[in-house]
Amino acid sequence: MLEQYLPLGMMIAIGVLAGLVFANINRWIGPKHPSEEKLSTYESGMEPVRSARERFSVKFYLVAMLFLLFDIEVVFMYPWAVKFRELGLIGFIEMLLFIGVLLVGLLYIWRKGALRWQ
């Protein structure tokens, strides 16, 4: 019974081995010529202005997620627009419902003040 799992075990082992090799191949065969300039924070010669540990506002991430949400809406609307005539009235009503749900969500986040950037 264990011989049935042998191909699966081999596939997992090859996958782990390939991941380790690909993650470390540059370290093994890549050129190694470190210099003070290469090891500096910016190679352009600009000094860092602030710390790399600076915190971003939660609003930044909220706006980014909302952008992704409403951007993905277009991904669903494009195939619908291509097949608009074939879908007929039912397809049109379904898209109106989809847009209605998105509008309710937009109005909700607007009322909550998620789009105010202060």
C-alpha atoms as a PDB file:
ATOM      1  CA  MET A   1       0.000   0.000   0.000  1.00  0.00           C
ATOM      2  CA  LEU A   2       2.879   2.392   0.697  1.00  0.00           C
ATOM      3  CA  GLU A   3       4.220   1.964  -2.837  1.00  0.00           C
ATOM      4  CA  GLN A   4       1.167   3.875  -4.072  1.00  0.00           C
ATOM      5  CA  TYR A   5       2.460   6.957  -2.244  1.00  0.00           C
ATOM      6  CA  LEU A   6       5.994   6.650  -3.600  1.00  0.00           C
ATOM      7  CA  PRO A   7       5.371   8.892  -6.678  1.00  0.00           C
ATOM      8  CA  LEU A   8       3.757  11.536  -4.459  1.00  0.00           C
ATOM      9  CA  GLY A   9       6.680  11.438  -2.028  1.00  0.00           C
ATOM     10  CA  MET A  10       9.159  11.693  -4.884  1.00  0.00           C
ATOM     11  CA  MET A  11       7.292  14.668  -6.349  1.00  0.00           C
ATOM     12  CA  ILE A  12       7.296  16.465  -2.982  1.00  0.00           C
ATOM     13  CA  ALA A  13      11.005  15.718  -2.480  1.00  0.00           C
ATOM     14  CA  ILE A  14      11.879  16.987  -5.968  1.00  0.00           C
ATOM     15  CA  GLY A  15       9.801  20.120  -5.368  1.00  0.00           C
ATOM     16  CA  VAL A  16      11.516  20.886  -2.065  1.00  0.00           C
ATOM     17  CA  LEU A  17      14.939  20.174  -3.558  1.00  0.00           C
ATOM     18  CA  ALA A  18      14.243  22.390  -6.586  1.00  0.00           C
ATOM     19  CA  GLY A  19      13.043  25.199  -4.300  1.00  0.00           C
ATOM     20  CA  LEU A  20      16.200  25.011  -2.208  1.00  0.00           C
ATOM     21  CA  VAL A  21      18.429  24.914  -5.280  1.00  0.00           C
ATOM     22  CA  PHE A  22      16.697  27.861  -6.974  1.00  0.00           C
ATOM     23  CA  ALA A  23      16.758  29.910  -3.769  1.00  0.00           C
ATOM     24  CA  ASN A  24      20.488  29.375  -3.242  1.00  0.00           C
ATOM     25  CA  ILE A  25      21.976  29.012  -6.734  1.00  0.00           C
ATOM     26  CA  ASN A  26      23.066  32.656  -6.865  1.00  0.00           C
ATOM     27  CA  ARG A  27      24.880  32.247  -3.555  1.00  0.00           C
ATOM     28  CA  TRP A  28      26.709  29.179  -4.838  1.00  0.00           C
ATOM     29  CA  ILE A  29      27.756  30.182  -8.359  1.00  0.00           C
ATOM     30  CA  GLY A  30      27.284  33.958  -8.475  1.00  0.00           C
ATOM     31  CA  PRO A  31      30.159  36.462  -8.490  1.00  0.00           C
ATOM     32  CA  LYS A  32      31.320  37.575  -5.071  1.00  0.00           C
ATOM     33  CA  HIS A  33      32.966  41.008  -5.197  1.00  0.00           C
ATOM     34  CA  PRO A  34      31.566  42.941  -2.225  1.00  0.00           C
ATOM     35  CA  SER A  35      32.658  46.518  -1.754  1.00  0.00           C
ATOM     36  CA  GLU A  36      31.694  49.251   0.661  1.00  0.00           C
ATOM     37  CA  GLU A  37      29.664  50.999  -2.024  1.00  0.00           C
ATOM     38  CA  LYS A  38      27.762  47.837  -2.988  1.00  0.00           C
ATOM     39  CA  LEU A  39      26.949  47.120   0.631  1.00  0.00           C
ATOM     40  CA  SER A  40      25.652  50.650   1.306  1.00  0.00           C
ATOM     41  CA  THR A  41      21.953  51.399   1.648  1.00  0.00           C
ATOM     42  CA  TYR A  42      21.649  53.234  -1.681  1.00  0.00           C
ATOM     43  CA  GLU A  43      23.991  52.693  -4.607  1.00  0.00           C
ATOM     44  CA  SER A  44      22.947  56.026  -6.111  1.00  0.00           C
ATOM     45  CA  GLY A  45      24.843  57.929  -3.439  1.00  0.00           C
ATOM     46  CA  MET A  46      21.726  59.366  -1.810  1.00  0.00           C
ATOM     47  CA  GLU A  47      21.671  59.275   1.953  1.00  0.00           C
ATOM     48  CA  PRO A  48      18.548  57.796   3.556  1.00  0.00           C
ATOM     49  CA  VAL A  49      16.076  60.469   4.596  1.00  0.00           C
ATOM     50  CA  ARG A  50      14.018  58.456   7.100  1.00  0.00           C
ATOM     51  CA  SER A  51      14.097  55.117   8.814  1.00  0.00           C
ATOM     52  CA  ALA A  52      13.077  52.011   6.886  1.00  0.00           C
ATOM     53  CA  ARG A  53      10.863  51.099   9.846  1.00  0.00           C
ATOM     54  CA  GLU A  54       8.436  53.971   9.263  1.00  0.00           C
ATOM     55  CA  ARG A  55       4.806  53.048   9.853  1.00  0.00           C
ATOM     56  CA  PHE A  56       2.159  53.606   7.229  1.00  0.00           C
ATOM     57  CA  SER A  57      -1.326  54.686   8.107  1.00  0.00           C
ATOM     58  CA  VAL A  58      -4.025  52.025   8.079  1.00  0.00           C
ATOM     59  CA  LYS A  59      -5.904  54.243   5.620  1.00  0.00           C
ATOM     60  CA  PHE A  60      -3.143  53.618   3.081  1.00  0.00           C
ATOM     61  CA  TYR A  61      -3.773  49.866   3.182  1.00  0.00           C
ATOM     62  CA  LEU A  62      -7.546  50.344   3.269  1.00  0.00           C
ATOM     63  CA  VAL A  63      -7.493  52.475   0.129  1.00  0.00           C
ATOM     64  CA  ALA A  64      -5.198  49.938  -1.558  1.00  0.00           C
ATOM     65  CA  MET A  65      -7.592  47.081  -0.762  1.00  0.00           C
ATOM     66  CA  LEU A  66     -10.582  49.091  -1.940  1.00  0.00           C
ATOM     67  CA  PHE A  67      -8.773  49.882  -5.175  1.00  0.00           C
ATOM     68  CA  LEU A  68      -8.120  46.182  -5.741  1.00  0.00           C
ATOM     69  CA  LEU A  69     -11.728  45.305  -4.949  1.00  0.00           C
ATOM     70  CA  PHE A  70     -13.192  47.799  -7.395  1.00  0.00           C
ATOM     71  CA  ASP A  71     -10.497  47.089  -9.963  1.00  0.00           C
ATOM     72  CA  ILE A  72     -11.391  43.393  -9.965  1.00  0.00           C
ATOM     73  CA  GLU A  73     -14.956  44.455 -10.749  1.00  0.00           C
ATOM     74  CA  VAL A  74     -13.757  45.434 -14.222  1.00  0.00           C
ATOM     75  CA  VAL A  75     -12.315  41.948 -14.714  1.00  0.00           C
ATOM     76  CA  PHE A  76     -15.823  40.541 -14.276  1.00  0.00           C
ATOM     77  CA  MET A  77     -17.446  43.202 -16.460  1.00  0.00           C
ATOM     78  CA  TYR A  78     -15.228  42.661 -19.508  1.00  0.00           C
ATOM     79  CA  PRO A  79     -16.359  39.088 -20.350  1.00  0.00           C
ATOM     80  CA  TRP A  80     -19.944  40.140 -19.685  1.00  0.00           C
ATOM     81  CA  ALA A  81     -19.595  42.998 -22.168  1.00  0.00           C
ATOM     82  CA  VAL A  82     -18.115  40.646 -24.789  1.00  0.00           C
ATOM     83  CA  LYS A  83     -21.051  38.211 -24.465  1.00  0.00           C
ATOM     84  CA  PHE A  84     -23.682  40.882 -23.810  1.00  0.00           C
ATOM     85  CA  ARG A  85     -25.957  40.035 -26.764  1.00  0.00           C
ATOM     86  CA  GLU A  86     -25.838  36.286 -26.093  1.00  0.00           C
ATOM     87  CA  LEU A  87     -26.730  36.672 -22.404  1.00  0.00           C
ATOM     88  CA  GLY A  88     -29.859  38.656 -23.138  1.00  0.00           C
ATOM     89  CA  LEU A  89     -32.074  40.276 -20.533  1.00  0.00           C
ATOM     90  CA  ILE A  90     -31.162  37.846 -17.741  1.00  0.00           C
ATOM     91  CA  GLY A  91     -27.462  38.620 -18.135  1.00  0.00           C
ATOM     92  CA  PHE A  92     -28.243  42.336 -18.101  1.00  0.00           C
ATOM     93  CA  ILE A  93     -30.272  42.014 -14.887  1.00  0.00           C
ATOM     94  CA  GLU A  94     -27.520  39.961 -13.246  1.00  0.00           C
ATOM     95  CA  MET A  95     -24.952  42.644 -14.081  1.00  0.00           C
ATOM     96  CA  LEU A  96     -27.265  45.330 -12.695  1.00  0.00           C
ATOM     97  CA  LEU A  97     -27.471  43.350  -9.458  1.00  0.00           C
ATOM     98  CA  PHE A  98     -23.685  42.969  -9.389  1.00  0.00           C
ATOM     99  CA  ILE A  99     -23.171  46.700  -9.912  1.00  0.00           C
ATOM    100  CA  GLY A 100     -25.862  47.419  -7.320  1.00  0.00           C
ATOM    101  CA  VAL A 101     -24.056  45.361  -4.686  1.00  0.00           C
ATOM    102  CA  LEU A 102     -20.808  47.177  -5.501  1.00  0.00           C
ATOM    103  CA  LEU A 103     -22.541  50.553  -5.272  1.00  0.00           C
ATOM    104  CA  VAL A 104     -23.990  49.658  -1.866  1.00  0.00           C
ATOM    105  CA  GLY A 105     -20.469  48.739  -0.732  1.00  0.00           C
ATOM    106  CA  LEU A 106     -19.064  51.982  -2.141  1.00  0.00           C
ATOM    107  CA  LEU A 107     -21.741  54.045  -0.403  1.00  0.00           C
ATOM    108  CA  TYR A 108     -21.054  52.195   2.853  1.00  0.00           C
ATOM    109  CA  ILE A 109     -17.316  52.881   2.815  1.00  0.00           C
ATOM    110  CA  TRP A 110     -17.976  56.457   1.724  1.00  0.00           C
ATOM    111  CA  ARG A 111     -20.319  57.001   4.690  1.00  0.00           C
ATOM    112  CA  LYS A 112     -17.810  55.400   7.074  1.00  0.00           C
ATOM    113  CA  GLY A 113     -15.157  57.887   5.890  1.00  0.00           C
ATOM    114  CA  ALA A 114     -12.752  55.302   4.510  1.00  0.00           C
ATOM    115  CA  LEU A 115     -12.037  57.496   1.482  1.00  0.00           C
ATOM    116  CA  ARG A 116     -11.126  60.621   3.490  1.00  0.00           C
ATOM    117  CA  TRP A 117      -7.383  61.137   3.399  1.00  0.00           C
ATOM    118  CA  GLN A 118      -6.471  63.277   6.421  1.00  0.00           C
END
